[in-house]
Every structure is written in C-alpha cells, then in structure tokens.
Protein backbone atom coordinates (compact mmCIF):
# COMPACT_ATOMS: atom_id res chain seq x y z
CA UNK A 1 135.32 41.37 120.75
CA UNK A 2 134.15 44.16 118.43
CA UNK A 3 132.04 46.64 120.24
CA UNK A 4 130.50 49.87 119.06
CA UNK A 5 129.34 52.57 121.40
CA UNK A 6 127.16 55.63 120.45
CA UNK A 7 126.29 58.69 122.38
CA UNK A 8 125.27 62.31 121.97
CA UNK A 9 127.68 65.10 122.93
CA UNK A 10 127.24 68.93 123.02
CA UNK A 11 128.62 70.73 119.93
CA UNK A 12 131.03 73.17 121.59
CA UNK A 13 134.78 73.69 121.93
CA UNK A 14 135.18 70.19 123.32
CA UNK A 15 133.55 68.90 120.25
CA UNK A 16 136.06 70.82 118.14
CA UNK A 17 138.98 69.29 120.16
CA UNK A 18 137.58 65.86 119.51
CA UNK A 19 137.31 66.21 115.76
CA UNK A 20 140.71 67.97 115.41
CA UNK A 21 142.47 64.64 115.24
CA UNK A 22 140.74 63.72 112.05
CA UNK A 23 140.09 65.35 108.67
CA UNK A 24 137.29 67.89 109.00
CA UNK A 25 135.96 70.86 107.20
CA UNK A 26 134.56 74.17 108.39
CA UNK A 27 130.99 72.71 108.39
CA UNK A 28 131.84 70.45 111.19
CA UNK A 29 133.02 73.11 113.63
CA UNK A 30 130.79 74.20 116.57
CA UNK A 31 130.75 77.79 115.29
CA UNK A 32 129.25 76.79 112.03
CA UNK A 33 126.92 74.22 113.45
CA UNK A 34 125.52 76.39 116.08
CA UNK A 35 125.04 79.28 113.56
CA UNK A 36 123.14 76.97 111.27
CA UNK A 37 120.37 76.52 113.86
CA UNK A 38 119.19 80.02 112.75
CA UNK A 39 118.58 78.53 109.32
CA UNK A 40 117.25 75.09 110.20
CA UNK A 41 115.55 76.06 113.47
CA UNK A 42 116.60 73.28 115.62
CA UNK A 43 118.86 72.05 118.38
CA UNK A 44 122.61 71.36 117.48
CA UNK A 45 123.86 67.97 118.55
CA UNK A 46 126.91 65.81 117.99
CA UNK A 47 126.74 61.99 117.35
CA UNK A 48 129.87 60.18 118.38
CA UNK A 49 130.37 56.49 117.62
CA UNK A 50 133.41 54.44 118.85
CA UNK A 51 134.29 51.11 117.21
CA UNK A 52 137.19 49.55 119.05
CA UNK A 53 138.83 52.97 119.50
CA UNK A 54 138.05 54.19 116.10
CA UNK A 55 135.93 57.28 115.94
CA UNK A 56 133.01 58.46 113.79
CA UNK A 57 131.45 61.90 114.30
CA UNK A 58 128.35 63.43 112.84
CA UNK A 59 127.03 66.94 113.67
CA UNK A 60 123.23 67.28 113.27
CA UNK A 61 120.42 69.74 113.85
CA UNK A 62 117.51 68.12 115.75
CA UNK A 63 113.98 69.27 114.65
CA UNK A 64 111.01 68.36 116.77
CA UNK A 65 108.07 66.58 115.18
CA UNK A 66 106.04 66.47 118.35
CA UNK A 67 106.65 65.92 121.96
CA UNK A 68 107.71 62.36 121.41
CA UNK A 69 109.38 62.19 118.02
CA UNK A 70 112.03 64.14 116.14
CA UNK A 71 114.15 64.05 112.96
CA UNK A 72 117.54 65.55 112.08
CA UNK A 73 119.37 67.22 109.32
CA UNK A 74 122.99 68.04 108.80
CA UNK A 75 123.96 71.74 109.22
CA UNK A 76 123.66 73.96 106.18
CA UNK A 77 126.48 73.33 103.75
CA UNK A 78 128.53 70.23 103.01
CA UNK A 79 128.82 68.60 106.39
CA UNK A 80 128.75 64.78 106.40
CA UNK A 81 130.47 62.42 108.83
CA UNK A 82 134.07 62.56 110.03
CA UNK A 83 135.49 59.14 109.77
CA UNK A 84 138.61 57.57 111.14
CA UNK A 85 140.72 56.90 108.20
CA UNK A 86 141.53 53.44 109.33
CA UNK A 87 137.88 52.37 109.30
CA UNK A 88 136.86 49.90 106.64
CA UNK A 89 133.57 50.00 104.70
CA UNK A 90 132.35 47.06 106.63
CA UNK A 91 133.20 48.65 109.94
CA UNK A 92 131.51 51.89 108.88
CA UNK A 93 128.30 49.90 108.15
CA UNK A 94 128.57 48.28 111.62
CA UNK A 95 128.83 51.77 113.09
CA UNK A 96 125.95 53.11 111.04
CA UNK A 97 123.68 50.18 112.13
CA UNK A 98 124.61 50.91 115.76
CA UNK A 99 123.76 54.69 115.18
CA UNK A 100 120.37 53.71 113.67
CA UNK A 101 119.50 51.59 116.76
CA UNK A 102 120.65 54.37 119.06
CA UNK A 103 118.58 57.00 117.25
CA UNK A 104 115.51 54.81 117.22
CA UNK A 105 115.65 54.45 121.05
CA UNK A 106 116.06 58.27 121.30
CA UNK A 107 112.82 58.91 119.23
CA UNK A 108 114.35 59.75 115.95
CA UNK A 109 112.34 59.12 112.81
CA UNK A 110 114.75 60.04 110.00
CA UNK A 111 118.20 61.43 109.34
CA UNK A 112 119.23 63.46 106.43
CA UNK A 113 122.79 64.29 105.70
CA UNK A 114 124.57 66.34 102.93
CA UNK A 115 127.86 64.53 102.28
CA UNK A 116 131.09 66.48 101.91
CA UNK A 117 132.21 66.03 98.24
CA UNK A 118 135.75 66.20 99.21
CA UNK A 119 135.98 64.33 102.63
CA UNK A 120 133.22 61.87 101.80
CA UNK A 121 134.16 61.38 98.13
CA UNK A 122 134.39 57.64 98.42
CA UNK A 123 131.24 57.23 100.55
CA UNK A 124 129.57 53.82 100.12
CA UNK A 125 127.33 52.13 102.58
CA UNK A 126 124.61 49.42 102.62
CA UNK A 127 122.90 51.22 105.48
CA UNK A 128 120.40 53.92 104.46
CA UNK A 129 120.33 55.43 100.88
CA UNK A 130 122.83 57.46 99.08
CA UNK A 131 121.43 59.87 96.41
CA UNK A 132 123.39 61.78 93.79
CA UNK A 133 122.39 65.33 93.01
CA UNK A 134 124.84 66.02 90.33
CA UNK A 135 128.34 67.69 90.55
CA UNK A 136 130.20 70.36 92.25
CA UNK A 137 133.42 71.94 90.94
CA UNK A 138 136.91 72.30 92.48
CA UNK A 139 140.19 73.99 91.58
CA UNK A 140 143.46 72.28 92.42
CA UNK A 141 145.48 74.91 94.25
CA UNK A 142 148.78 73.08 93.85
CA UNK A 143 148.75 74.19 90.22
CA UNK A 144 150.74 77.23 89.16
CA UNK A 145 149.39 80.69 88.30
CA UNK A 146 149.82 79.96 84.61
CA UNK A 147 148.10 76.68 84.78
CA UNK A 148 145.11 78.28 86.58
CA UNK A 149 144.89 80.98 83.86
CA UNK A 150 145.04 78.36 81.19
CA UNK A 151 142.14 76.50 82.51
CA UNK A 152 139.97 79.58 82.90
CA UNK A 153 137.54 79.78 80.03
CA UNK A 154 137.90 82.62 77.49
CA UNK A 155 134.81 84.48 78.40
CA UNK A 156 135.97 84.66 82.03
CA UNK A 157 139.42 85.82 80.92
CA UNK A 158 137.86 88.72 78.98
CA UNK A 159 135.66 89.52 81.97
CA UNK A 160 138.76 89.58 84.32
CA UNK A 161 140.65 91.84 81.90
CA UNK A 162 137.63 94.10 81.48
CA UNK A 163 137.39 94.62 85.24
CA UNK A 164 141.09 95.40 85.44
CA UNK A 165 140.91 97.74 82.57
CA UNK A 166 138.02 99.64 84.22
CA UNK A 167 140.28 100.03 87.33
CA UNK A 168 138.17 97.66 89.54
CA UNK A 169 140.23 96.72 92.62
CA UNK A 170 139.78 93.67 94.81
CA UNK A 171 140.64 93.45 98.57
CA UNK A 172 140.87 90.57 100.87
CA UNK A 173 139.11 91.57 103.99
CA UNK A 174 138.13 90.11 107.35
CA UNK A 175 134.45 89.19 107.82
CA UNK A 176 133.94 91.79 110.55
CA UNK A 177 130.54 93.11 111.80
CA UNK A 178 131.15 96.51 110.11
CA UNK A 179 131.42 94.84 106.75
CA UNK A 180 128.29 92.69 107.11
CA UNK A 181 125.80 95.35 106.27
CA UNK A 182 127.68 96.20 103.05
CA UNK A 183 127.95 92.56 102.08
CA UNK A 184 124.33 91.87 102.93
CA UNK A 185 122.96 94.70 100.79
CA UNK A 186 124.92 93.49 97.76
CA UNK A 187 123.94 89.86 98.39
CA UNK A 188 120.18 90.57 98.84
CA UNK A 189 120.07 92.59 95.63
CA UNK A 190 121.52 89.69 93.81
CA UNK A 191 119.12 87.20 95.23
CA UNK A 192 116.23 89.43 94.27
CA UNK A 193 117.54 89.66 90.67
CA UNK A 194 117.96 85.90 90.25
CA UNK A 195 114.46 85.23 91.86
CA UNK A 196 115.88 83.17 94.76
CA UNK A 197 113.39 81.66 97.22
CA UNK A 198 113.03 83.07 100.73
CA UNK A 199 115.26 80.37 101.93
CA UNK A 200 118.33 82.03 100.50
CA UNK A 201 117.68 85.43 101.93
CA UNK A 202 119.73 84.85 105.03
CA UNK A 203 118.87 87.18 107.84
CA UNK A 204 121.71 89.45 109.03
CA UNK A 205 121.51 87.84 112.48
CA UNK A 206 122.77 84.61 110.80
CA UNK A 207 125.78 86.55 109.26
CA UNK A 208 126.53 88.26 112.59
CA UNK A 209 126.42 84.86 114.37
CA UNK A 210 128.99 83.47 111.83
CA UNK A 211 131.19 86.57 112.42
CA UNK A 212 131.08 86.13 116.16
CA UNK A 213 131.68 82.34 115.96
CA UNK A 214 134.23 81.79 113.18
CA UNK A 215 135.54 85.06 111.96
CA UNK A 216 139.07 83.79 111.64
CA UNK A 217 137.86 81.07 109.20
CA UNK A 218 136.05 83.52 106.89
CA UNK A 219 137.29 86.03 104.38
CA UNK A 220 135.66 88.58 102.16
CA UNK A 221 136.90 89.22 98.71
CA UNK A 222 135.34 92.65 97.73
CA UNK A 223 135.58 94.47 94.48
CA UNK A 224 135.60 98.30 94.60
CA UNK A 225 135.04 100.99 91.88
CA UNK A 226 136.84 103.91 93.48
CA UNK A 227 135.77 103.58 97.18
CA UNK A 228 132.31 101.93 96.38
CA UNK A 229 131.84 98.20 97.12
CA UNK A 230 130.23 96.83 93.99
CA UNK A 231 130.52 93.02 94.54
CA UNK A 232 131.58 90.83 97.40
CA UNK A 233 131.97 87.11 98.21
CA UNK A 234 132.36 85.17 101.31
CA UNK A 235 134.93 82.31 101.26
CA UNK A 236 135.44 79.76 104.11
CA UNK A 237 138.96 78.64 104.87
CA UNK A 238 140.00 75.46 106.81
CA UNK A 239 143.76 75.51 107.15
CA UNK A 240 143.85 72.06 108.83
CA UNK A 241 142.39 70.25 105.80
CA UNK A 242 143.66 72.79 103.25
CA UNK A 243 140.13 73.34 102.02
CA UNK A 244 138.98 76.80 100.85
CA UNK A 245 135.45 77.30 99.50
CA UNK A 246 133.18 79.81 97.93
CA UNK A 247 130.06 80.32 100.20
CA UNK A 248 127.88 83.41 99.30
CA UNK A 249 128.39 86.34 96.92
CA UNK A 250 126.74 88.98 94.92
CA UNK A 251 127.12 92.00 92.58
CA UNK A 252 125.18 95.25 92.52
CA UNK A 253 122.86 95.34 89.43
CA UNK A 254 124.24 98.60 88.10
CA UNK A 255 127.82 97.21 87.97
CA UNK A 256 127.41 93.71 86.71
CA UNK A 257 128.70 94.84 83.21
CA UNK A 258 132.04 95.53 84.80
CA UNK A 259 132.47 91.82 85.56
CA UNK A 260 133.69 92.19 89.13
CA UNK A 261 132.53 88.73 90.27
CA UNK A 262 134.89 87.13 87.85
CA UNK A 263 137.81 89.32 89.09
CA UNK A 264 136.81 88.37 92.70
CA UNK A 265 136.90 84.58 91.79
CA UNK A 266 140.27 85.10 90.07
CA UNK A 267 141.60 86.95 93.14
CA UNK A 268 140.42 84.34 95.56
CA UNK A 269 141.95 81.42 93.67
CA UNK A 270 145.33 83.43 93.59
CA UNK A 271 144.98 84.02 97.30
CA UNK A 272 144.31 80.41 98.10
CA UNK A 273 147.27 79.26 96.02
CA UNK A 274 149.61 81.65 97.67
CA UNK A 275 148.43 80.84 101.16
CA UNK A 276 149.05 77.17 100.61
CA UNK A 277 145.62 75.78 100.60
CA UNK A 278 145.09 72.48 98.68
CA UNK A 279 141.78 73.01 96.91
CA UNK A 280 139.22 75.75 96.25
CA UNK A 281 135.75 74.20 96.21
CA UNK A 282 133.29 76.37 94.16
CA UNK A 283 130.24 74.24 94.89
CA UNK A 284 127.74 73.51 92.11
CA UNK A 285 124.46 74.72 90.69
CA UNK A 286 121.26 75.12 92.56
CA UNK A 287 120.35 71.66 94.01
CA UNK A 288 123.23 70.13 92.04
CA UNK A 289 121.82 71.01 88.63
CA UNK A 290 123.88 72.11 85.60
CA UNK A 291 122.30 75.62 85.53
CA UNK A 292 123.93 78.94 84.71
CA UNK A 293 125.57 79.11 88.18
CA UNK A 294 127.21 75.74 87.59
CA UNK A 295 128.37 76.85 84.08
CA UNK A 296 129.86 80.03 85.57
CA UNK A 297 131.86 78.05 88.19
CA UNK A 298 132.96 75.51 85.46
CA UNK A 299 134.59 78.49 83.75
CA UNK A 300 137.24 78.36 86.44
CA UNK A 301 137.74 74.62 86.80
CA UNK A 302 136.51 71.63 85.08
CA UNK A 303 137.40 69.26 88.02
CA UNK A 304 134.03 67.74 88.98
CA UNK A 305 133.08 66.10 92.40
CA UNK A 306 129.91 64.17 92.90
CA UNK A 307 127.51 65.87 95.39
CA UNK A 308 125.54 63.19 97.35
CA UNK A 309 123.15 63.14 100.22
CA UNK A 310 122.72 60.25 102.63
CA UNK A 311 119.19 59.49 103.97
CA UNK A 312 118.35 57.11 106.81
CA UNK A 313 114.80 56.15 107.82
CA UNK A 314 115.28 55.21 111.48
CA UNK A 315 111.59 54.41 112.38
CA UNK A 316 109.91 53.05 109.28
CA UNK A 317 106.48 52.60 110.78
CA UNK A 318 106.38 56.20 112.21
CA UNK A 319 107.85 57.57 108.94
CA UNK A 320 104.98 56.04 106.91
CA UNK A 321 102.40 57.19 109.49
CA UNK A 322 103.62 60.83 109.10
CA UNK A 323 103.58 60.63 105.28
CA UNK A 324 99.96 59.45 105.51
CA UNK A 325 99.19 62.20 107.81
CA UNK A 326 100.43 64.89 105.42
CA UNK A 327 97.22 65.37 103.43
CA UNK A 328 98.91 67.98 101.21
CA UNK A 329 100.89 65.30 99.42
CA UNK A 330 99.79 64.54 95.81
CA UNK A 331 100.45 61.32 93.83
CA UNK A 332 103.38 63.18 92.08
CA UNK A 333 104.79 64.26 95.47
CA UNK A 334 104.81 60.61 96.67
CA UNK A 335 106.97 59.80 93.64
CA UNK A 336 109.55 62.60 94.44
CA UNK A 337 113.01 62.29 95.77
CA UNK A 338 112.22 64.87 98.63
CA UNK A 339 113.42 63.66 102.06
CA UNK A 340 111.87 63.32 104.51
CA UNK A 341 108.82 63.10 102.52
CA UNK A 342 106.43 63.93 105.33
CA UNK A 343 108.01 67.41 105.53
CA UNK A 344 107.30 68.22 101.84
CA UNK A 345 104.91 71.06 101.28
CA UNK A 346 103.25 72.50 98.12
CA UNK A 347 105.88 75.40 98.25
CA UNK A 348 109.17 73.92 99.08
CA UNK A 349 112.00 75.88 100.35
CA UNK A 350 114.85 73.90 98.77
CA UNK A 351 115.38 70.80 96.78
CA UNK A 352 115.96 68.71 99.86
CA UNK A 353 115.11 69.28 103.48
C-alpha cells in the first residue's frame, strides 16, 4: 500500500543530517535558513514528506497573517525542495498533494518557493503553479583554464587585463567578522549607486549571522589596490553537491574604472575549478530579467538555466478573502504575477514575495 506521511521538523543540525543523504545546496542548510529569518521576518520550519521510504524535504519561512492563518516562503536565495532521486513525477505529485492537505490543516493559506535552477532543473508538477522568471547563468568548472578564457567575452578580457596591469591584486579570504565591515561598506556603496530598493540593503546583523552559522561555506574574493580593499564579493560553496555560487558583491565608486569586479569573477572561477567544484552559478538579472547585471554575468558564461518559482494556494477561500480585504490593490495589480497577491503593496520590495 502506498502511503505518504508529512510532518514539520525543526531546522537545526538534525535537519542537516537528514538532508545530507541527498543532493542539496547551501540554501537548504539550517545556518542559511535561520539567517534568512532576518530578511523574511518569520519562523524557520522544515517540511518532511515520506512516500514509502522515499524522502522529500522543503525548508520554509512561516509568516503570520493573523492569529489563525499564516503563509510561507522559501528562504532567500535558490532553495526549492530536496527530492529523493528515485521518486517519479507521479510520486512527487502524490507527495505535493499530501503536503497541501497537511498545510491546510495547519492553517497555511499559500506557499511560495524559489526553485533551485540546478537541483530542480527538471521540475514538473500538476500540483500548484510553476512560473518562469527568465534565466540564470552558470559556468562549467570541469572545463580547462583555456576554455574558460575563450568563453569570456572580449570586453571582460580587456577589463581583467587592465586590472592586472594596474597592479590590482585579488585574495581569497574567509568570511570572518572582522572583514564584514569592509565588505558591507563596499556593498552598500554599490547598492546606492545602482539605486537598489531597501530590500537589498542587508543589515550587518544578517551578515554576522551568516558568518556565525556557515562561515566555512562562504568565501570572500577581495580586490586590493596596494592595501586598500576596493571591491569584494561573497561566494557560497557546497562541496557535497559541487556547487559554487556568486552571492553578493560590490565595487567602490572611485575604483570602478580599474575593473576589479571582472578580475574578482575571473579569480573566483579559477579557484572553483582548481578546488574541484563542478559548477559556478552566477545567478541572473534582477527578478530574472535580461538587464545589465545579466549581461555582465553572461560575459563569463553563456550556459543558461531557467529560473522558476512554484506557487501553491493551499486555502483558496481564505486566499480570495485576503485579496478582497487588500483595498490597495488596483485592477492592474489584480492582473499581476505577484504572489501571494494579498501581500502586494503599492511599493513592493521585490518582484515576488
């Protein structure tokens, strides 16, 4: 007899042990999930489903709507479910239907999940709705140094050479507390220059939380002119899955002409290849768009991955009621792809909640 059980478990070291037998990324680890609560302002929780001994894991952040109802979002970044490799698509749908029933009983209204472009690349389900936001970019680290250089666009090659000719030096550094202040100042200056919304001005407390929780899974690649840090980027590393990824970065305005960010990306790619990682995931443009950030990343690799989110309305009646209660929504808002729609405001923090 086919049976599916679903339960909540705390996201802690026991959670980390449970997912360690499957393919996971840094976004699934307890240190990352718990740190993300400082961004999404909710309670970390793990969903575990078992279908005849086959496991399905999903980390979420629970956000209260009122004393009776709540909704959930995946932690910041590319989370998505961790799925037993032997599960078929039909079995995954059975699990998702069981999860929907479980969440309904627990008072959940909706669930929003950012799918992992690498681990959830083949995600297909008849339960809920998948939505494509565009593409992210990835470099195959099994390629040789020469192959990587050949796939680097000419303007990036010129930038790398310029930085080297100006004696810019890059260093691979641990993401320690004493380096957070330096990184933060560089990052915030960059966010101000590009006109980023408040959502992307991460508080230092979040960076310190990351450092305390998963320091061994983060590296800084910092560019120096003499002894002054002029640009710096955070990369996540997950040795178990072989995934390395760009996370946050910036360059001081007065030094942008020296092209340190291009040298940093070049250095990071070399480091990942030499350390035996499988892929370097650059991410994409803002909200998955093909903007200048996307074009910059494409200059280092043309390998595209689809970035999708998965949305599940658990309690349709309550969902519609909450939408009607949101008197700020315009007719145009009601046609938008924002999810969950009842959380949409006239000034949104990001493309999707």
